[in-house]
PDB file of N, CA and C in Angstrom:
ATOM      1  N   UNK A   1      18.704  27.882   3.846  1.00  0.00           N
ATOM      2  CA  UNK A   1      17.356  28.437   3.401  1.00  0.00           C
ATOM      3  C   UNK A   1      16.208  27.503   3.923  1.00  0.00           C
ATOM      4  N   UNK A   2      15.192  28.038   4.289  1.00  0.00           N
ATOM      5  CA  UNK A   2      13.991  27.296   4.912  1.00  0.00           C
ATOM      6  C   UNK A   2      12.854  27.414   3.937  1.00  0.00           C
ATOM      7  N   UNK A   3      12.311  26.505   3.288  1.00  0.00           N
ATOM      8  CA  UNK A   3      11.278  26.536   2.591  1.00  0.00           C
ATOM      9  C   UNK A   3      10.317  25.226   2.801  1.00  0.00           C
ATOM     10  N   UNK A   4       9.105  25.661   3.545  1.00  0.00           N
ATOM     11  CA  UNK A   4       8.273  24.512   4.033  1.00  0.00           C
ATOM     12  C   UNK A   4       6.886  24.817   3.204  1.00  0.00           C
ATOM     13  N   UNK A   5       6.354  23.806   2.697  1.00  0.00           N
ATOM     14  CA  UNK A   5       5.059  23.902   2.031  1.00  0.00           C
ATOM     15  C   UNK A   5       4.141  23.477   2.890  1.00  0.00           C
ATOM     16  N   UNK A   6       3.117  24.371   3.196  1.00  0.00           N
ATOM     17  CA  UNK A   6       1.866  23.945   3.960  1.00  0.00           C
ATOM     18  C   UNK A   6       0.696  23.578   3.129  1.00  0.00           C
ATOM     19  N   UNK A   7       0.041  22.499   3.499  1.00  0.00           N
ATOM     20  CA  UNK A   7      -1.173  22.309   2.539  1.00  0.00           C
ATOM     21  C   UNK A   7      -2.264  21.795   3.371  1.00  0.00           C
ATOM     22  N   UNK A   8      -3.602  22.579   3.306  1.00  0.00           N
ATOM     23  CA  UNK A   8      -4.658  21.960   4.189  1.00  0.00           C
ATOM     24  C   UNK A   8      -5.408  21.161   3.196  1.00  0.00           C
ATOM     25  N   UNK A   9      -5.639  20.067   3.678  1.00  0.00           N
ATOM     26  CA  UNK A   9      -6.405  18.742   2.829  1.00  0.00           C
ATOM     27  C   UNK A   9      -7.661  18.339   3.732  1.00  0.00           C
ATOM     28  N   UNK A  10      -8.716  18.052   2.979  1.00  0.00           N
ATOM     29  CA  UNK A  10     -10.059  17.514   3.600  1.00  0.00           C
ATOM     30  C   UNK A  10     -10.446  16.552   2.497  1.00  0.00           C
ATOM     31  N   UNK A  11     -10.702  15.441   2.856  1.00  0.00           N
ATOM     32  CA  UNK A  11     -11.194  14.278   1.945  1.00  0.00           C
ATOM     33  C   UNK A  11     -10.404  14.006   0.813  1.00  0.00           C
ATOM     34  N   UNK A  12      -9.070  14.090   1.099  1.00  0.00           N
ATOM     35  CA  UNK A  12      -8.045  13.817   0.123  1.00  0.00           C
ATOM     36  C   UNK A  12      -7.684  15.082  -1.045  1.00  0.00           C
ATOM     37  N   UNK A  13      -8.477  16.001  -0.817  1.00  0.00           N
ATOM     38  CA  UNK A  13      -8.178  17.347  -1.688  1.00  0.00           C
ATOM     39  C   UNK A  13      -7.593  18.515  -0.917  1.00  0.00           C
ATOM     40  N   UNK A  14      -6.754  19.073  -1.819  1.00  0.00           N
ATOM     41  CA  UNK A  14      -6.147  20.139  -1.304  1.00  0.00           C
ATOM     42  C   UNK A  14      -6.920  21.424  -1.341  1.00  0.00           C
ATOM     43  N   UNK A  15      -7.188  21.941  -0.255  1.00  0.00           N
ATOM     44  CA  UNK A  15      -8.045  23.114  -0.177  1.00  0.00           C
ATOM     45  C   UNK A  15      -7.460  24.520  -0.210  1.00  0.00           C
ATOM     46  N   UNK A  16      -6.033  24.522   0.225  1.00  0.00           N
ATOM     47  CA  UNK A  16      -5.257  25.443   0.430  1.00  0.00           C
ATOM     48  C   UNK A  16      -3.695  25.426   0.483  1.00  0.00           C
ATOM     49  N   UNK A  17      -2.915  26.162  -0.057  1.00  0.00           N
ATOM     50  CA  UNK A  17      -1.420  25.855  -0.104  1.00  0.00           C
ATOM     51  C   UNK A  17      -0.775  27.094   0.372  1.00  0.00           C
ATOM     52  N   UNK A  18       0.489  27.193   1.111  1.00  0.00           N
ATOM     53  CA  UNK A  18       1.130  28.476   1.298  1.00  0.00           C
ATOM     54  C   UNK A  18       2.479  28.005   1.536  1.00  0.00           C
ATOM     55  N   UNK A  19       3.450  28.492   0.876  1.00  0.00           N
ATOM     56  CA  UNK A  19       4.948  28.111   0.922  1.00  0.00           C
ATOM     57  C   UNK A  19       5.706  29.132   1.663  1.00  0.00           C
ATOM     58  N   UNK A  20       6.121  28.730   2.944  1.00  0.00           N
ATOM     59  CA  UNK A  20       6.900  29.542   3.877  1.00  0.00           C
ATOM     60  C   UNK A  20       8.477  29.500   3.355  1.00  0.00           C
ATOM     61  N   UNK A  21       8.956  30.670   3.274  1.00  0.00           N
ATOM     62  CA  UNK A  21      10.420  30.879   2.817  1.00  0.00           C
ATOM     63  C   UNK A  21      11.165  31.878   3.838  1.00  0.00           C
ATOM     64  N   UNK A  22      12.575  31.574   4.071  1.00  0.00           N
ATOM     65  CA  UNK A  22      13.330  32.357   5.029  1.00  0.00           C
ATOM     66  C   UNK A  22      14.689  32.058   4.464  1.00  0.00           C
ATOM     67  N   UNK A  23      15.363  32.940   4.305  1.00  0.00           N
ATOM     68  CA  UNK A  23      16.695  32.959   3.788  1.00  0.00           C
ATOM     69  C   UNK A  23      17.805  32.825   5.173  1.00  0.00           C
ATOM     70  N   UNK A  24      17.377  31.805   5.665  1.00  0.00           N
ATOM     71  CA  UNK A  24      18.271  31.482   6.987  1.00  0.00           C
ATOM     72  C   UNK A  24      18.516  30.020   7.171  1.00  0.00           C
ATOM     73  N   UNK A  25      19.234  29.605   7.763  1.00  0.00           N
ATOM     74  CA  UNK A  25      19.514  28.279   8.213  1.00  0.00           C
ATOM     75  C   UNK A  25      18.480  27.603   8.936  1.00  0.00           C
ATOM     76  N   UNK A  26      18.021  26.403   8.610  1.00  0.00           N
ATOM     77  CA  UNK A  26      16.904  25.915   9.227  1.00  0.00           C
ATOM     78  C   UNK A  26      17.254  25.635  10.788  1.00  0.00           C
ATOM     79  N   UNK A  27      16.427  25.876  11.789  1.00  0.00           N
ATOM     80  CA  UNK A  27      16.748  25.808  13.192  1.00  0.00           C
ATOM     81  C   UNK A  27      15.629  25.029  13.923  1.00  0.00           C
ATOM     82  N   UNK A  28      15.917  24.012  14.580  1.00  0.00           N
ATOM     83  CA  UNK A  28      14.900  22.982  14.946  1.00  0.00           C
ATOM     84  C   UNK A  28      14.112  23.858  16.190  1.00  0.00           C
ATOM     85  N   UNK A  29      14.806  24.613  17.021  1.00  0.00           N
ATOM     86  CA  UNK A  29      14.228  25.239  17.859  1.00  0.00           C
ATOM     87  C   UNK A  29      13.182  26.328  17.333  1.00  0.00           C
ATOM     88  N   UNK A  30      13.115  26.820  16.056  1.00  0.00           N
ATOM     89  CA  UNK A  30      12.342  27.761  15.487  1.00  0.00           C
ATOM     90  C   UNK A  30      11.092  27.205  15.022  1.00  0.00           C
ATOM     91  N   UNK A  31      11.157  25.794  14.761  1.00  0.00           N
ATOM     92  CA  UNK A  31      10.043  25.032  14.134  1.00  0.00           C
ATOM     93  C   UNK A  31       8.603  25.556  14.243  1.00  0.00           C
ATOM     94  N   UNK A  32       8.179  25.722  15.643  1.00  0.00           N
ATOM     95  CA  UNK A  32       7.101  26.173  15.980  1.00  0.00           C
ATOM     96  C   UNK A  32       6.723  27.658  15.377  1.00  0.00           C
ATOM     97  N   UNK A  33       7.519  28.447  15.442  1.00  0.00           N
ATOM     98  CA  UNK A  33       7.523  29.733  14.833  1.00  0.00           C
ATOM     99  C   UNK A  33       7.085  29.634  13.306  1.00  0.00           C
ATOM    100  N   UNK A  34       7.772  28.685  12.602  1.00  0.00           N
ATOM    101  CA  UNK A  34       7.539  28.276  11.263  1.00  0.00           C
ATOM    102  C   UNK A  34       6.035  27.912  11.149  1.00  0.00           C
ATOM    103  N   UNK A  35       5.865  27.046  11.877  1.00  0.00           N
ATOM    104  CA  UNK A  35       4.374  26.440  11.854  1.00  0.00           C
ATOM    105  C   UNK A  35       3.403  27.763  12.055  1.00  0.00           C
ATOM    106  N   UNK A  36       3.558  28.478  12.944  1.00  0.00           N
ATOM    107  CA  UNK A  36       2.579  29.441  13.415  1.00  0.00           C
ATOM    108  C   UNK A  36       2.469  30.582  12.316  1.00  0.00           C
ATOM    109  N   UNK A  37       3.794  30.710  11.386  1.00  0.00           N
ATOM    110  CA  UNK A  37       3.554  31.599  10.441  1.00  0.00           C
ATOM    111  C   UNK A  37       2.775  31.032   9.098  1.00  0.00           C
ATOM    112  N   UNK A  38       2.870  29.853   8.868  1.00  0.00           N
ATOM    113  CA  UNK A  38       2.158  29.186   7.936  1.00  0.00           C
ATOM    114  C   UNK A  38       0.796  29.001   8.199  1.00  0.00           C
ATOM    115  N   UNK A  39       0.362  28.752   9.518  1.00  0.00           N
ATOM    116  CA  UNK A  39      -1.150  28.890   9.862  1.00  0.00           C
ATOM    117  C   UNK A  39      -1.807  30.305   9.729  1.00  0.00           C
ATOM    118  N   UNK A  40      -0.982  31.222  10.287  1.00  0.00           N
ATOM    119  CA  UNK A  40      -1.224  32.856  10.024  1.00  0.00           C
ATOM    120  C   UNK A  40      -1.875  32.921   8.389  1.00  0.00           C
ATOM    121  N   UNK A  41      -0.847  32.457   7.626  1.00  0.00           N
ATOM    122  CA  UNK A  41      -1.068  32.945   6.178  1.00  0.00           C
ATOM    123  C   UNK A  41      -2.248  31.955   5.678  1.00  0.00           C
ATOM    124  N   UNK A  42      -2.500  30.993   6.218  1.00  0.00           N
ATOM    125  CA  UNK A  42      -3.618  29.850   5.817  1.00  0.00           C
ATOM    126  C   UNK A  42      -4.816  30.277   6.526  1.00  0.00           C
ATOM    127  N   UNK A  43      -4.797  31.317   7.547  1.00  0.00           N
ATOM    128  CA  UNK A  43      -5.932  31.720   8.333  1.00  0.00           C
ATOM    129  C   UNK A  43      -6.282  30.572   8.968  1.00  0.00           C
ATOM    130  N   UNK A  44      -5.596  29.710   9.651  1.00  0.00           N
ATOM    131  CA  UNK A  44      -6.202  28.617  10.407  1.00  0.00           C
ATOM    132  C   UNK A  44      -5.599  28.843  11.902  1.00  0.00           C
ATOM    133  N   UNK A  45      -6.183  28.064  12.986  1.00  0.00           N
ATOM    134  CA  UNK A  45      -5.455  28.140  14.361  1.00  0.00           C
ATOM    135  C   UNK A  45      -4.313  27.272  14.327  1.00  0.00           C
ATOM    136  N   UNK A  46      -3.222  27.752  15.212  1.00  0.00           N
ATOM    137  CA  UNK A  46      -1.993  26.939  15.552  1.00  0.00           C
ATOM    138  C   UNK A  46      -2.304  25.490  16.142  1.00  0.00           C
ATOM    139  N   UNK A  47      -1.576  24.689  15.644  1.00  0.00           N
ATOM    140  CA  UNK A  47      -1.842  23.102  16.142  1.00  0.00           C
ATOM    141  C   UNK A  47      -0.954  23.110  17.444  1.00  0.00           C
ATOM    142  N   UNK A  48      -1.152  22.015  18.117  1.00  0.00           N
ATOM    143  CA  UNK A  48      -0.186  21.629  19.371  1.00  0.00           C
ATOM    144  C   UNK A  48       1.049  20.994  18.378  1.00  0.00           C
ATOM    145  N   UNK A  49       2.028  21.283  18.537  1.00  0.00           N
ATOM    146  CA  UNK A  49       3.338  20.706  18.114  1.00  0.00           C
ATOM    147  C   UNK A  49       4.026  19.760  19.031  1.00  0.00           C
ATOM    148  N   UNK A  50       3.795  18.393  18.953  1.00  0.00           N
ATOM    149  CA  UNK A  50       4.354  17.555  19.736  1.00  0.00           C
ATOM    150  C   UNK A  50       5.768  17.018  19.167  1.00  0.00           C
ATOM    151  N   UNK A  51       6.533  16.030  19.878  1.00  0.00           N
ATOM    152  CA  UNK A  51       8.074  15.803  19.519  1.00  0.00           C
ATOM    153  C   UNK A  51       7.865  14.914  18.294  1.00  0.00           C
ATOM    154  N   UNK A  52       6.662  14.274  18.177  1.00  0.00           N
ATOM    155  CA  UNK A  52       6.419  13.436  16.919  1.00  0.00           C
ATOM    156  C   UNK A  52       6.344  14.133  15.793  1.00  0.00           C
ATOM    157  N   UNK A  53       5.704  15.355  15.622  1.00  0.00           N
ATOM    158  CA  UNK A  53       5.817  16.150  14.711  1.00  0.00           C
ATOM    159  C   UNK A  53       7.199  16.876  14.131  1.00  0.00           C
ATOM    160  N   UNK A  54       7.963  16.727  15.156  1.00  0.00           N
ATOM    161  CA  UNK A  54       9.127  17.479  14.897  1.00  0.00           C
ATOM    162  C   UNK A  54      10.187  16.369  14.182  1.00  0.00           C
ATOM    163  N   UNK A  55      10.091  15.094  14.945  1.00  0.00           N
ATOM    164  CA  UNK A  55      10.867  13.984  14.634  1.00  0.00           C
ATOM    165  C   UNK A  55      10.421  13.728  13.110  1.00  0.00           C
ATOM    166  N   UNK A  56       9.285  13.476  12.876  1.00  0.00           N
ATOM    167  CA  UNK A  56       8.811  13.196  11.491  1.00  0.00           C
ATOM    168  C   UNK A  56       9.361  14.105  10.326  1.00  0.00           C
ATOM    169  N   UNK A  57       9.298  15.517  10.780  1.00  0.00           N
ATOM    170  CA  UNK A  57       9.767  16.445   9.738  1.00  0.00           C
ATOM    171  C   UNK A  57      11.303  16.341   9.596  1.00  0.00           C
ATOM    172  N   UNK A  58      11.929  16.040  10.754  1.00  0.00           N
ATOM    173  CA  UNK A  58      13.618  15.740  10.669  1.00  0.00           C
ATOM    174  C   UNK A  58      13.887  14.592   9.862  1.00  0.00           C
ATOM    175  N   UNK A  59      13.214  13.541  10.124  1.00  0.00           N
ATOM    176  CA  UNK A  59      13.311  12.135   9.533  1.00  0.00           C
ATOM    177  C   UNK A  59      12.889  12.166   8.024  1.00  0.00           C
ATOM    178  N   UNK A  60      11.806  12.531   7.871  1.00  0.00           N
ATOM    179  CA  UNK A  60      11.022  12.207   6.615  1.00  0.00           C
ATOM    180  C   UNK A  60      10.643  13.520   5.778  1.00  0.00           C
ATOM    181  N   UNK A  61      11.223  14.719   6.325  1.00  0.00           N
ATOM    182  CA  UNK A  61      11.059  15.972   5.451  1.00  0.00           C
ATOM    183  C   UNK A  61       9.461  16.212   5.274  1.00  0.00           C
ATOM    184  N   UNK A  62       8.603  15.589   6.243  1.00  0.00           N
ATOM    185  CA  UNK A  62       7.371  16.065   6.292  1.00  0.00           C
ATOM    186  C   UNK A  62       6.721  15.561   7.511  1.00  0.00           C
ATOM    187  N   UNK A  63       5.388  16.341   7.925  1.00  0.00           N
ATOM    188  CA  UNK A  63       4.668  16.036   9.181  1.00  0.00           C
ATOM    189  C   UNK A  63       3.323  16.334   8.825  1.00  0.00           C
ATOM    190  N   UNK A  64       2.379  15.697   9.644  1.00  0.00           N
ATOM    191  CA  UNK A  64       0.887  16.025   9.402  1.00  0.00           C
ATOM    192  C   UNK A  64       0.402  16.379  10.840  1.00  0.00           C
ATOM    193  N   UNK A  65      -0.172  17.378  10.800  1.00  0.00           N
ATOM    194  CA  UNK A  65      -1.366  17.759  11.853  1.00  0.00           C
ATOM    195  C   UNK A  65      -2.685  17.295  11.402  1.00  0.00           C
ATOM    196  N   UNK A  66      -3.232  16.590  12.442  1.00  0.00           N
ATOM    197  CA  UNK A  66      -4.678  15.963  12.188  1.00  0.00           C
ATOM    198  C   UNK A  66      -5.547  16.843  12.839  1.00  0.00           C
ATOM    199  N   UNK A  67      -6.967  16.898  12.805  1.00  0.00           N
ATOM    200  CA  UNK A  67      -7.949  17.588  13.391  1.00  0.00           C
ATOM    201  C   UNK A  67      -7.675  17.533  15.053  1.00  0.00           C
ATOM    202  N   UNK A  68      -7.204  16.324  15.677  1.00  0.00           N
ATOM    203  CA  UNK A  68      -7.100  16.296  17.062  1.00  0.00           C
ATOM    204  C   UNK A  68      -5.950  16.922  17.495  1.00  0.00           C
ATOM    205  N   UNK A  69      -5.008  17.413  16.729  1.00  0.00           N
ATOM    206  CA  UNK A  69      -3.902  18.310  17.032  1.00  0.00           C
ATOM    207  C   UNK A  69      -4.306  19.599  17.259  1.00  0.00           C
ATOM    208  N   UNK A  70      -5.501  20.346  17.017  1.00  0.00           N
ATOM    209  CA  UNK A  70      -5.731  21.401  17.002  1.00  0.00           C
ATOM    210  C   UNK A  70      -6.813  21.510  18.399  1.00  0.00           C
ATOM    211  N   UNK A  71      -6.787  22.584  19.094  1.00  0.00           N
ATOM    212  CA  UNK A  71      -7.605  22.891  20.073  1.00  0.00           C
ATOM    213  C   UNK A  71      -8.888  23.300  19.608  1.00  0.00           C
ATOM    214  N   UNK A  72      -8.933  24.365  18.721  1.00  0.00           N
ATOM    215  CA  UNK A  72      -9.978  24.856  18.024  1.00  0.00           C
ATOM    216  C   UNK A  72     -10.555  23.885  17.208  1.00  0.00           C
ATOM    217  N   UNK A  73     -11.874  24.136  16.745  1.00  0.00           N
ATOM    218  CA  UNK A  73     -12.566  23.182  15.783  1.00  0.00           C
ATOM    219  C   UNK A  73     -11.983  23.816  14.461  1.00  0.00           C
ATOM    220  N   UNK A  74     -11.718  22.756  13.344  1.00  0.00           N
ATOM    221  CA  UNK A  74     -11.312  23.149  12.226  1.00  0.00           C
ATOM    222  C   UNK A  74     -12.014  22.470  11.188  1.00  0.00           C
ATOM    223  N   UNK A  75     -12.031  23.186   9.805  1.00  0.00           N
ATOM    224  CA  UNK A  75     -12.895  22.782   8.915  1.00  0.00           C
ATOM    225  C   UNK A  75     -12.286  21.538   7.962  1.00  0.00           C
ATOM    226  N   UNK A  76     -11.013  21.060   8.164  1.00  0.00           N
ATOM    227  CA  UNK A  76     -10.292  20.312   7.312  1.00  0.00           C
ATOM    228  C   UNK A  76     -10.003  19.158   8.062  1.00  0.00           C
ATOM    229  N   UNK A  77      -9.440  17.919   7.206  1.00  0.00           N
ATOM    230  CA  UNK A  77      -8.902  16.771   7.866  1.00  0.00           C
ATOM    231  C   UNK A  77      -7.453  16.924   8.383  1.00  0.00           C
ATOM    232  N   UNK A  78      -6.605  17.468   7.599  1.00  0.00           N
ATOM    233  CA  UNK A  78      -5.293  17.582   8.084  1.00  0.00           C
ATOM    234  C   UNK A  78      -4.440  18.827   7.662  1.00  0.00           C
ATOM    235  N   UNK A  79      -3.514  19.191   8.164  1.00  0.00           N
ATOM    236  CA  UNK A  79      -2.395  20.184   7.686  1.00  0.00           C
ATOM    237  C   UNK A  79      -1.067  19.497   7.466  1.00  0.00           C
ATOM    238  N   UNK A  80      -0.717  19.529   6.376  1.00  0.00           N
ATOM    239  CA  UNK A  80       0.531  18.705   5.908  1.00  0.00           C
ATOM    240  C   UNK A  80       1.511  19.736   5.666  1.00  0.00           C
ATOM    241  N   UNK A  81       2.742  19.449   6.146  1.00  0.00           N
ATOM    242  CA  UNK A  81       3.935  20.274   6.084  1.00  0.00           C
ATOM    243  C   UNK A  81       5.048  19.453   5.315  1.00  0.00           C
ATOM    244  N   UNK A  82       5.708  20.061   4.324  1.00  0.00           N
ATOM    245  CA  UNK A  82       6.669  19.376   3.584  1.00  0.00           C
ATOM    246  C   UNK A  82       7.934  20.223   3.610  1.00  0.00           C
ATOM    247  N   UNK A  83       9.241  19.816   3.802  1.00  0.00           N
ATOM    248  CA  UNK A  83      10.263  20.322   3.488  1.00  0.00           C
ATOM    249  C   UNK A  83      10.614  20.433   1.992  1.00  0.00           C
ATOM    250  N   UNK A  84      10.911  21.780   1.525  1.00  0.00           N
ATOM    251  CA  UNK A  84      11.082  21.959  -0.060  1.00  0.00           C
ATOM    252  C   UNK A  84      12.287  22.567  -0.205  1.00  0.00           C
ATOM    253  N   UNK A  85      13.125  22.750   0.807  1.00  0.00           N
ATOM    254  CA  UNK A  85      14.543  23.410   0.585  1.00  0.00           C
ATOM    255  C   UNK A  85      15.388  21.995   0.334  1.00  0.00           C
TER     256      UNK A  85
END
C-alpha cells in the first residue's frame, strides 16, 4: 500500500493538503509518478526530483521540495511529502 501525504507550506502554515493512495507495493522507480500525481491534485507544477529527495524519503519517510526545486515560479515556500503507510 502506498500512502503519501503532500502538504504545501508557506511561512510555516499549511496552505493545502492531498493524500495520494494506491493499493500496490511501493516502488522506488515510480516515485516521480507519485510526486506528479500529488502535484496534479494540488494544482502545482512538478518539481525536479533529485537523488537527495528519494534518499530522504526512503531513510526518513519524508522529503521536502523547496522553491529552488521548481522550474516554474511557485506561490509557496515548500512542498512536503510524508509516507503515511
